[in-house]
Structure formats: structure tokens, C-alpha cells
Amino acid sequence: VLEVSLGDFVMTGGELAAQAMIDATVRLLPGVLGNAE
């Protein structure tokens, strides 16, 4: 398993961190952003 941190702080659980990382990733998928630039 690859361990990944959202930052140098501790949270109660990984759910919020997961949503933040997914958001940052999904917006890079083709067709998600209206303006590719």
C-alpha cells in the first residue's frame, strides 16, 4: 500500500483527505473542466 498524506497535520479520519485528493485528481480528467486551459 502507498501511504499518502494531505499535509503535516493529523485528522480524525481519512474521509476528508480522500475527498480533497479525489477532487484534485478528477478535475484533471478529460472533459471535466469546461476550459482545458
PDB file of all heavy atoms in Angstrom:
ATOM      1  N   VAL A   1       0.834  -1.197   0.000  1.00  0.00           N
ATOM      2  CA  VAL A   1       0.000   0.000   0.000  1.00  0.00           C
ATOM      3  C   VAL A   1       0.871   1.251   0.000  1.00  0.00           C
ATOM      4  O   VAL A   1       1.866   1.343   0.727  1.00  0.00           O
ATOM      5  CB  VAL A   1      -0.936   0.007   1.229  1.00  0.00           C
ATOM      6  CG1 VAL A   1      -1.777   1.273   1.259  1.00  0.00           C
ATOM      7  CG2 VAL A   1      -1.818  -1.234   1.235  1.00  0.00           C
ATOM      8  N   LEU A   2       0.496   2.226  -0.813  1.00  0.00           N
ATOM      9  CA  LEU A   2       1.181   3.517  -0.860  1.00  0.00           C
ATOM     10  C   LEU A   2       0.557   4.442   0.179  1.00  0.00           C
ATOM     11  O   LEU A   2      -0.642   4.713   0.133  1.00  0.00           O
ATOM     12  CB  LEU A   2       1.052   4.139  -2.251  1.00  0.00           C
ATOM     13  CG  LEU A   2       1.578   5.573  -2.412  1.00  0.00           C
ATOM     14  CD1 LEU A   2       3.080   5.630  -2.192  1.00  0.00           C
ATOM     15  CD2 LEU A   2       1.202   6.118  -3.793  1.00  0.00           C
ATOM     16  N   GLU A   3       1.348   4.907   1.125  1.00  0.00           N
ATOM     17  CA  GLU A   3       0.852   5.841   2.133  1.00  0.00           C
ATOM     18  C   GLU A   3       0.981   7.266   1.603  1.00  0.00           C
ATOM     19  O   GLU A   3       2.041   7.676   1.132  1.00  0.00           O
ATOM     20  CB  GLU A   3       1.623   5.692   3.439  1.00  0.00           C
ATOM     21  CG  GLU A   3       1.419   4.339   4.115  1.00  0.00           C
ATOM     22  CD  GLU A   3       2.094   4.259   5.465  1.00  0.00           C
ATOM     23  OE1 GLU A   3       1.658   4.971   6.389  1.00  0.00           O
ATOM     24  OE2 GLU A   3       3.071   3.497   5.585  1.00  0.00           O
ATOM     25  N   VAL A   4      -0.116   8.019   1.694  1.00  0.00           N
ATOM     26  CA  VAL A   4      -0.153   9.389   1.171  1.00  0.00           C
ATOM     27  C   VAL A   4      -0.725  10.308   2.236  1.00  0.00           C
ATOM     28  O   VAL A   4      -1.714   9.978   2.896  1.00  0.00           O
ATOM     29  CB  VAL A   4      -1.005   9.473  -0.111  1.00  0.00           C
ATOM     30  CG1 VAL A   4      -1.029  10.907  -0.638  1.00  0.00           C
ATOM     31  CG2 VAL A   4      -0.467   8.532  -1.177  1.00  0.00           C
ATOM     32  N   SER A   5      -0.125  11.473   2.390  1.00  0.00           N
ATOM     33  CA  SER A   5      -0.552  12.457   3.377  1.00  0.00           C
ATOM     34  C   SER A   5      -1.067  13.714   2.690  1.00  0.00           C
ATOM     35  O   SER A   5      -0.499  14.171   1.696  1.00  0.00           O
ATOM     36  CB  SER A   5       0.618  12.831   4.296  1.00  0.00           C
ATOM     37  OG  SER A   5       0.286  13.933   5.120  1.00  0.00           O
ATOM     38  N   LEU A   6      -2.137  14.276   3.219  1.00  0.00           N
ATOM     39  CA  LEU A   6      -2.648  15.536   2.699  1.00  0.00           C
ATOM     40  C   LEU A   6      -1.802  16.706   3.174  1.00  0.00           C
ATOM     41  O   LEU A   6      -1.755  17.752   2.523  1.00  0.00           O
ATOM     42  CB  LEU A   6      -4.113  15.731   3.129  1.00  0.00           C
ATOM     43  CG  LEU A   6      -4.872  16.903   2.528  1.00  0.00           C
ATOM     44  CD1 LEU A   6      -4.943  16.788   1.005  1.00  0.00           C
ATOM     45  CD2 LEU A   6      -6.268  16.994   3.111  1.00  0.00           C
ATOM     46  N   GLY A   7      -1.127  16.548   4.289  1.00  0.00           N
ATOM     47  CA  GLY A   7      -0.284  17.616   4.821  1.00  0.00           C
ATOM     48  C   GLY A   7       0.242  17.255   6.186  1.00  0.00           C
ATOM     49  O   GLY A   7      -0.061  16.184   6.731  1.00  0.00           O
ATOM     50  N   ASP A   8       1.015  18.155   6.753  1.00  0.00           N
ATOM     51  CA  ASP A   8       1.662  17.890   8.038  1.00  0.00           C
ATOM     52  C   ASP A   8       0.744  18.236   9.204  1.00  0.00           C
ATOM     53  O   ASP A   8       0.988  19.165   9.988  1.00  0.00           O
ATOM     54  CB  ASP A   8       2.976  18.676   8.140  1.00  0.00           C
ATOM     55  CG  ASP A   8       3.999  18.209   7.126  1.00  0.00           C
ATOM     56  OD1 ASP A   8       3.872  17.079   6.635  1.00  0.00           O
ATOM     57  OD2 ASP A   8       4.926  18.985   6.823  1.00  0.00           O
ATOM     58  N   PHE A   9      -0.338  17.491   9.309  1.00  0.00           N
ATOM     59  CA  PHE A   9      -1.280  17.638  10.412  1.00  0.00           C
ATOM     60  C   PHE A   9      -2.040  16.329  10.543  1.00  0.00           C
ATOM     61  O   PHE A   9      -1.992  15.483   9.650  1.00  0.00           O
ATOM     62  CB  PHE A   9      -2.251  18.805  10.170  1.00  0.00           C
ATOM     63  CG  PHE A   9      -2.902  18.783   8.815  1.00  0.00           C
ATOM     64  CD1 PHE A   9      -4.062  18.066   8.589  1.00  0.00           C
ATOM     65  CD2 PHE A   9      -2.341  19.478   7.751  1.00  0.00           C
ATOM     66  CE1 PHE A   9      -4.665  18.042   7.344  1.00  0.00           C
ATOM     67  CE2 PHE A   9      -2.931  19.465   6.503  1.00  0.00           C
ATOM     68  CZ  PHE A   9      -4.092  18.741   6.291  1.00  0.00           C
ATOM     69  N   VAL A  10      -2.737  16.151  11.649  1.00  0.00           N
ATOM     70  CA  VAL A  10      -3.448  14.904  11.920  1.00  0.00           C
ATOM     71  C   VAL A  10      -4.947  15.175  11.908  1.00  0.00           C
ATOM     72  O   VAL A  10      -5.422  16.137  12.522  1.00  0.00           O
ATOM     73  CB  VAL A  10      -3.029  14.307  13.280  1.00  0.00           C
ATOM     74  CG1 VAL A  10      -3.812  13.018  13.562  1.00  0.00           C
ATOM     75  CG2 VAL A  10      -1.535  14.031  13.287  1.00  0.00           C
ATOM     76  N   MET A  11      -5.697  14.324  11.205  1.00  0.00           N
ATOM     77  CA  MET A  11      -7.148  14.438  11.146  1.00  0.00           C
ATOM     78  C   MET A  11      -7.788  13.248  11.853  1.00  0.00           C
ATOM     79  O   MET A  11      -7.120  12.246  12.128  1.00  0.00           O
ATOM     80  CB  MET A  11      -7.613  14.499   9.686  1.00  0.00           C
ATOM     81  CG  MET A  11      -6.998  15.652   8.908  1.00  0.00           C
ATOM     82  SD  MET A  11      -7.479  15.684   7.166  1.00  0.00           S
ATOM     83  CE  MET A  11      -9.193  16.203   7.325  1.00  0.00           C
ATOM     84  N   THR A  12      -9.079  13.346  12.123  1.00  0.00           N
ATOM     85  CA  THR A  12      -9.788  12.277  12.814  1.00  0.00           C
ATOM     86  C   THR A  12      -9.867  11.017  11.967  1.00  0.00           C
ATOM     87  O   THR A  12      -9.855   9.903  12.481  1.00  0.00           O
ATOM     88  CB  THR A  12     -11.207  12.750  13.196  1.00  0.00           C
ATOM     89  OG1 THR A  12     -11.094  13.960  13.942  1.00  0.00           O
ATOM     90  CG2 THR A  12     -11.919  11.704  14.043  1.00  0.00           C
ATOM     91  N   GLY A  13      -9.982  11.187  10.682  1.00  0.00           N
ATOM     92  CA  GLY A  13     -10.062  10.048   9.766  1.00  0.00           C
ATOM     93  C   GLY A  13      -9.668  10.477   8.369  1.00  0.00           C
ATOM     94  O   GLY A  13      -9.396  11.655   8.110  1.00  0.00           O
ATOM     95  N   GLY A  14      -9.660   9.531   7.449  1.00  0.00           N
ATOM     96  CA  GLY A  14      -9.167   9.812   6.108  1.00  0.00           C
ATOM     97  C   GLY A  14     -10.209  10.287   5.112  1.00  0.00           C
ATOM     98  O   GLY A  14      -9.873  10.578   3.964  1.00  0.00           O
ATOM     99  N   GLU A  15     -11.471  10.382   5.523  1.00  0.00           N
ATOM    100  CA  GLU A  15     -12.538  10.680   4.562  1.00  0.00           C
ATOM    101  C   GLU A  15     -12.392  12.059   3.923  1.00  0.00           C
ATOM    102  O   GLU A  15     -12.538  12.208   2.698  1.00  0.00           O
ATOM    103  CB  GLU A  15     -13.909  10.549   5.238  1.00  0.00           C
ATOM    104  CG  GLU A  15     -14.349   9.125   5.498  1.00  0.00           C
ATOM    105  CD  GLU A  15     -13.648   8.473   6.682  1.00  0.00           C
ATOM    106  OE1 GLU A  15     -13.034   9.223   7.504  1.00  0.00           O
ATOM    107  OE2 GLU A  15     -13.704   7.226   6.807  1.00  0.00           O
ATOM    108  N   LEU A  16     -12.133  13.083   4.719  1.00  0.00           N
ATOM    109  CA  LEU A  16     -11.983  14.430   4.161  1.00  0.00           C
ATOM    110  C   LEU A  16     -10.751  14.518   3.265  1.00  0.00           C
ATOM    111  O   LEU A  16     -10.778  15.160   2.211  1.00  0.00           O
ATOM    112  CB  LEU A  16     -11.899  15.463   5.284  1.00  0.00           C
ATOM    113  CG  LEU A  16     -13.196  15.735   6.041  1.00  0.00           C
ATOM    114  CD1 LEU A  16     -12.945  16.687   7.206  1.00  0.00           C
ATOM    115  CD2 LEU A  16     -14.250  16.325   5.115  1.00  0.00           C
ATOM    116  N   ALA A  17      -9.673  13.865   3.689  1.00  0.00           N
ATOM    117  CA  ALA A  17      -8.460  13.852   2.874  1.00  0.00           C
ATOM    118  C   ALA A  17      -8.710  13.150   1.545  1.00  0.00           C
ATOM    119  O   ALA A  17      -8.257  13.590   0.488  1.00  0.00           O
ATOM    120  CB  ALA A  17      -7.322  13.166   3.631  1.00  0.00           C
ATOM    121  N   ALA A  18      -9.470  12.055   1.586  1.00  0.00           N
ATOM    122  CA  ALA A  18      -9.788  11.318   0.362  1.00  0.00           C
ATOM    123  C   ALA A  18     -10.575  12.197  -0.604  1.00  0.00           C
ATOM    124  O   ALA A  18     -10.294  12.222  -1.807  1.00  0.00           O
ATOM    125  CB  ALA A  18     -10.582  10.061   0.701  1.00  0.00           C
ATOM    126  N   GLN A  19     -11.552  12.935  -0.085  1.00  0.00           N
ATOM    127  CA  GLN A  19     -12.349  13.799  -0.950  1.00  0.00           C
ATOM    128  C   GLN A  19     -11.495  14.897  -1.571  1.00  0.00           C
ATOM    129  O   GLN A  19     -11.664  15.237  -2.748  1.00  0.00           O
ATOM    130  CB  GLN A  19     -13.520  14.398  -0.174  1.00  0.00           C
ATOM    131  CG  GLN A  19     -14.572  13.365   0.201  1.00  0.00           C
ATOM    132  CD  GLN A  19     -15.855  13.986   0.727  1.00  0.00           C
ATOM    133  OE1 GLN A  19     -16.185  15.118   0.419  1.00  0.00           O
ATOM    134  NE2 GLN A  19     -16.592  13.229   1.526  1.00  0.00           N
ATOM    135  N   ALA A  20     -10.582  15.460  -0.792  1.00  0.00           N
ATOM    136  CA  ALA A  20      -9.712  16.508  -1.324  1.00  0.00           C
ATOM    137  C   ALA A  20      -8.826  15.968  -2.446  1.00  0.00           C
ATOM    138  O   ALA A  20      -8.668  16.605  -3.497  1.00  0.00           O
ATOM    139  CB  ALA A  20      -8.848  17.088  -0.199  1.00  0.00           C
ATOM    140  N   MET A  21      -8.250  14.789  -2.239  1.00  0.00           N
ATOM    141  CA  MET A  21      -7.365  14.214  -3.253  1.00  0.00           C
ATOM    142  C   MET A  21      -8.132  13.807  -4.508  1.00  0.00           C
ATOM    143  O   MET A  21      -7.641  13.979  -5.629  1.00  0.00           O
ATOM    144  CB  MET A  21      -6.625  13.014  -2.667  1.00  0.00           C
ATOM    145  CG  MET A  21      -5.638  13.380  -1.576  1.00  0.00           C
ATOM    146  SD  MET A  21      -4.761  11.921  -0.938  1.00  0.00           S
ATOM    147  CE  MET A  21      -4.034  12.611   0.553  1.00  0.00           C
ATOM    148  N   ILE A  22      -9.334  13.265  -4.324  1.00  0.00           N
ATOM    149  CA  ILE A  22     -10.146  12.890  -5.477  1.00  0.00           C
ATOM    150  C   ILE A  22     -10.525  14.127  -6.273  1.00  0.00           C
ATOM    151  O   ILE A  22     -10.478  14.130  -7.510  1.00  0.00           O
ATOM    152  CB  ILE A  22     -11.399  12.121  -5.026  1.00  0.00           C
ATOM    153  CG1 ILE A  22     -11.004  10.753  -4.450  1.00  0.00           C
ATOM    154  CG2 ILE A  22     -12.365  11.930  -6.195  1.00  0.00           C
ATOM    155  CD1 ILE A  22     -12.158  10.022  -3.788  1.00  0.00           C
ATOM    156  N   ASP A  23     -10.906  15.190  -5.588  1.00  0.00           N
ATOM    157  CA  ASP A  23     -11.265  16.433  -6.267  1.00  0.00           C
ATOM    158  C   ASP A  23     -10.105  16.938  -7.121  1.00  0.00           C
ATOM    159  O   ASP A  23     -10.287  17.302  -8.285  1.00  0.00           O
ATOM    160  CB  ASP A  23     -11.660  17.496  -5.239  1.00  0.00           C
ATOM    161  CG  ASP A  23     -12.070  18.803  -5.888  1.00  0.00           C
ATOM    162  OD1 ASP A  23     -11.184  19.626  -6.172  1.00  0.00           O
ATOM    163  OD2 ASP A  23     -13.271  19.002  -6.114  1.00  0.00           O
ATOM    164  N   ALA A  24      -8.906  16.965  -6.538  1.00  0.00           N
ATOM    165  CA  ALA A  24      -7.736  17.447  -7.266  1.00  0.00           C
ATOM    166  C   ALA A  24      -7.409  16.563  -8.464  1.00  0.00           C
ATOM    167  O   ALA A  24      -6.886  17.049  -9.476  1.00  0.00           O
ATOM    168  CB  ALA A  24      -6.525  17.504  -6.324  1.00  0.00           C
ATOM    169  N   THR A  25      -7.742  15.274  -8.369  1.00  0.00           N
ATOM    170  CA  THR A  25      -7.442  14.333  -9.446  1.00  0.00           C
ATOM    171  C   THR A  25      -8.502  14.365 -10.539  1.00  0.00           C
ATOM    172  O   THR A  25      -8.193  14.437 -11.725  1.00  0.00           O
ATOM    173  CB  THR A  25      -7.329  12.905  -8.877  1.00  0.00           C
ATOM    174  OG1 THR A  25      -6.289  12.866  -7.896  1.00  0.00           O
ATOM    175  CG2 THR A  25      -7.015  11.905  -9.976  1.00  0.00           C
ATOM    176  N   VAL A  26      -9.768  14.339 -10.145  1.00  0.00           N
ATOM    177  CA  VAL A  26     -10.862  14.254 -11.111  1.00  0.00           C
ATOM    178  C   VAL A  26     -10.882  15.457 -12.044  1.00  0.00           C
ATOM    179  O   VAL A  26     -11.176  15.328 -13.243  1.00  0.00           O
ATOM    180  CB  VAL A  26     -12.210  14.112 -10.370  1.00  0.00           C
ATOM    181  CG1 VAL A  26     -13.378  14.404 -11.291  1.00  0.00           C
ATOM    182  CG2 VAL A  26     -12.333  12.710  -9.785  1.00  0.00           C
ATOM    183  N   ARG A  27     -10.565  16.631 -11.533  1.00  0.00           N
ATOM    184  CA  ARG A  27     -10.618  17.829 -12.374  1.00  0.00           C
ATOM    185  C   ARG A  27      -9.564  17.796 -13.487  1.00  0.00           C
ATOM    186  O   ARG A  27      -9.632  18.597 -14.419  1.00  0.00           O
ATOM    187  CB  ARG A  27     -10.466  19.084 -11.527  1.00  0.00           C
ATOM    188  CG  ARG A  27      -9.183  19.195 -10.769  1.00  0.00           C
ATOM    189  CD  ARG A  27      -9.286  20.183  -9.610  1.00  0.00           C
ATOM    190  NE  ARG A  27      -9.884  21.445 -10.020  1.00  0.00           N
ATOM    191  CZ  ARG A  27      -9.224  22.412 -10.639  1.00  0.00           C
ATOM    192  NH1 ARG A  27      -7.951  22.231 -10.937  1.00  0.00           N
ATOM    193  NH2 ARG A  27      -9.818  23.541 -10.969  1.00  0.00           N
ATOM    194  N   LEU A  28      -8.618  16.852 -13.405  1.00  0.00           N
ATOM    195  CA  LEU A  28      -7.605  16.702 -14.452  1.00  0.00           C
ATOM    196  C   LEU A  28      -8.021  15.689 -15.510  1.00  0.00           C
ATOM    197  O   LEU A  28      -7.339  15.539 -16.524  1.00  0.00           O
ATOM    198  CB  LEU A  28      -6.270  16.261 -13.835  1.00  0.00           C
ATOM    199  CG  LEU A  28      -5.649  17.226 -12.821  1.00  0.00           C
ATOM    200  CD1 LEU A  28      -4.376  16.623 -12.233  1.00  0.00           C
ATOM    201  CD2 LEU A  28      -5.368  18.577 -13.447  1.00  0.00           C
ATOM    202  N   LEU A  29      -9.140  14.984 -15.276  1.00  0.00           N
ATOM    203  CA  LEU A  29      -9.603  14.000 -16.252  1.00  0.00           C
ATOM    204  C   LEU A  29     -10.165  14.712 -17.484  1.00  0.00           C
ATOM    205  O   LEU A  29     -10.715  15.810 -17.378  1.00  0.00           O
ATOM    206  CB  LEU A  29     -10.684  13.112 -15.633  1.00  0.00           C
ATOM    207  CG  LEU A  29     -10.263  12.265 -14.429  1.00  0.00           C
ATOM    208  CD1 LEU A  29     -11.477  11.517 -13.879  1.00  0.00           C
ATOM    209  CD2 LEU A  29      -9.162  11.289 -14.803  1.00  0.00           C
ATOM    210  N   PRO A  30     -10.045  14.101 -18.661  1.00  0.00           N
ATOM    211  CA  PRO A  30     -10.538  14.722 -19.891  1.00  0.00           C
ATOM    212  C   PRO A  30     -12.023  15.065 -19.813  1.00  0.00           C
ATOM    213  O   PRO A  30     -12.838  14.248 -19.389  1.00  0.00           O
ATOM    214  CB  PRO A  30     -10.292  13.635 -20.953  1.00  0.00           C
ATOM    215  CG  PRO A  30      -9.178  12.806 -20.406  1.00  0.00           C
ATOM    216  CD  PRO A  30      -9.391  12.798 -18.918  1.00  0.00           C
ATOM    217  N   GLY A  31     -12.341  16.298 -20.186  1.00  0.00           N
ATOM    218  CA  GLY A  31     -13.725  16.716 -20.277  1.00  0.00           C
ATOM    219  C   GLY A  31     -14.360  17.197 -18.999  1.00  0.00           C
ATOM    220  O   GLY A  31     -15.524  17.618 -19.001  1.00  0.00           O
ATOM    221  N   VAL A  32     -13.644  17.158 -17.865  1.00  0.00           N
ATOM    222  CA  VAL A  32     -14.242  17.574 -16.592  1.00  0.00           C
ATOM    223  C   VAL A  32     -14.272  19.091 -16.470  1.00  0.00           C
ATOM    224  O   VAL A  32     -15.296  19.683 -16.106  1.00  0.00           O
ATOM    225  CB  VAL A  32     -13.498  16.946 -15.400  1.00  0.00           C
ATOM    226  CG1 VAL A  32     -14.013  17.513 -14.080  1.00  0.00           C
ATOM    227  CG2 VAL A  32     -13.660  15.432 -15.421  1.00  0.00           C
ATOM    228  N   LEU A  33     -13.159  19.738 -16.771  1.00  0.00           N
ATOM    229  CA  LEU A  33     -13.122  21.197 -16.758  1.00  0.00           C
ATOM    230  C   LEU A  33     -13.667  21.737 -18.067  1.00  0.00           C
ATOM    231  O   LEU A  33     -13.333  21.243 -19.142  1.00  0.00           O
ATOM    232  CB  LEU A  33     -11.688  21.703 -16.547  1.00  0.00           C
ATOM    233  CG  LEU A  33     -11.080  21.506 -15.160  1.00  0.00           C
ATOM    234  CD1 LEU A  33      -9.689  22.125 -15.114  1.00  0.00           C
ATOM    235  CD2 LEU A  33     -11.956  22.135 -14.087  1.00  0.00           C
ATOM    236  N   GLY A  34     -14.466  22.781 -17.991  1.00  0.00           N
ATOM    237  CA  GLY A  34     -15.024  23.360 -19.198  1.00  0.00           C
ATOM    238  C   GLY A  34     -13.957  23.975 -20.088  1.00  0.00           C
ATOM    239  O   GLY A  34     -14.026  23.903 -21.305  1.00  0.00           O
ATOM    240  N   ASN A  35     -12.938  24.576 -19.486  1.00  0.00           N
ATOM    241  CA  ASN A  35     -11.859  25.210 -20.236  1.00  0.00           C
ATOM    242  C   ASN A  35     -10.568  24.473 -19.919  1.00  0.00           C
ATOM    243  O   ASN A  35     -10.061  24.540 -18.804  1.00  0.00           O
ATOM    244  CB  ASN A  35     -11.738  26.687 -19.843  1.00  0.00           C
ATOM    245  CG  ASN A  35     -10.673  27.418 -20.645  1.00  0.00           C
ATOM    246  OD1 ASN A  35      -9.945  26.808 -21.428  1.00  0.00           O
ATOM    247  ND2 ASN A  35     -10.580  28.717 -20.435  1.00  0.00           N
ATOM    248  N   ALA A  36     -10.034  23.767 -20.895  1.00  0.00           N
ATOM    249  CA  ALA A  36      -8.832  22.953 -20.674  1.00  0.00           C
ATOM    250  C   ALA A  36      -7.645  23.802 -20.248  1.00  0.00           C
ATOM    251  O   ALA A  36      -6.747  23.328 -19.552  1.00  0.00           O
ATOM    252  CB  ALA A  36      -8.486  22.182 -21.943  1.00  0.00           C
ATOM    253  N   GLU A  37      -7.635  25.088 -20.640  1.00  0.00           N
ATOM    254  CA  GLU A  37      -6.513  25.950 -20.285  1.00  0.00           C
ATOM    255  C   GLU A  37      -6.490  26.249 -18.796  1.00  0.00           C
ATOM    256  O   GLU A  37      -5.450  26.609 -18.247  1.00  0.00           O
ATOM    257  CB  GLU A  37      -6.587  27.259 -21.069  1.00  0.00           C
ATOM    258  CG  GLU A  37      -6.340  27.093 -22.568  1.00  0.00           C
ATOM    259  CD  GLU A  37      -6.370  28.425 -23.288  1.00  0.00           C
ATOM    260  OE1 GLU A  37      -6.572  29.462 -22.607  1.00  0.00           O
ATOM    261  OE2 GLU A  37      -6.182  28.439 -24.509  1.00  0.00           O
TER     262      GLU A  37
END
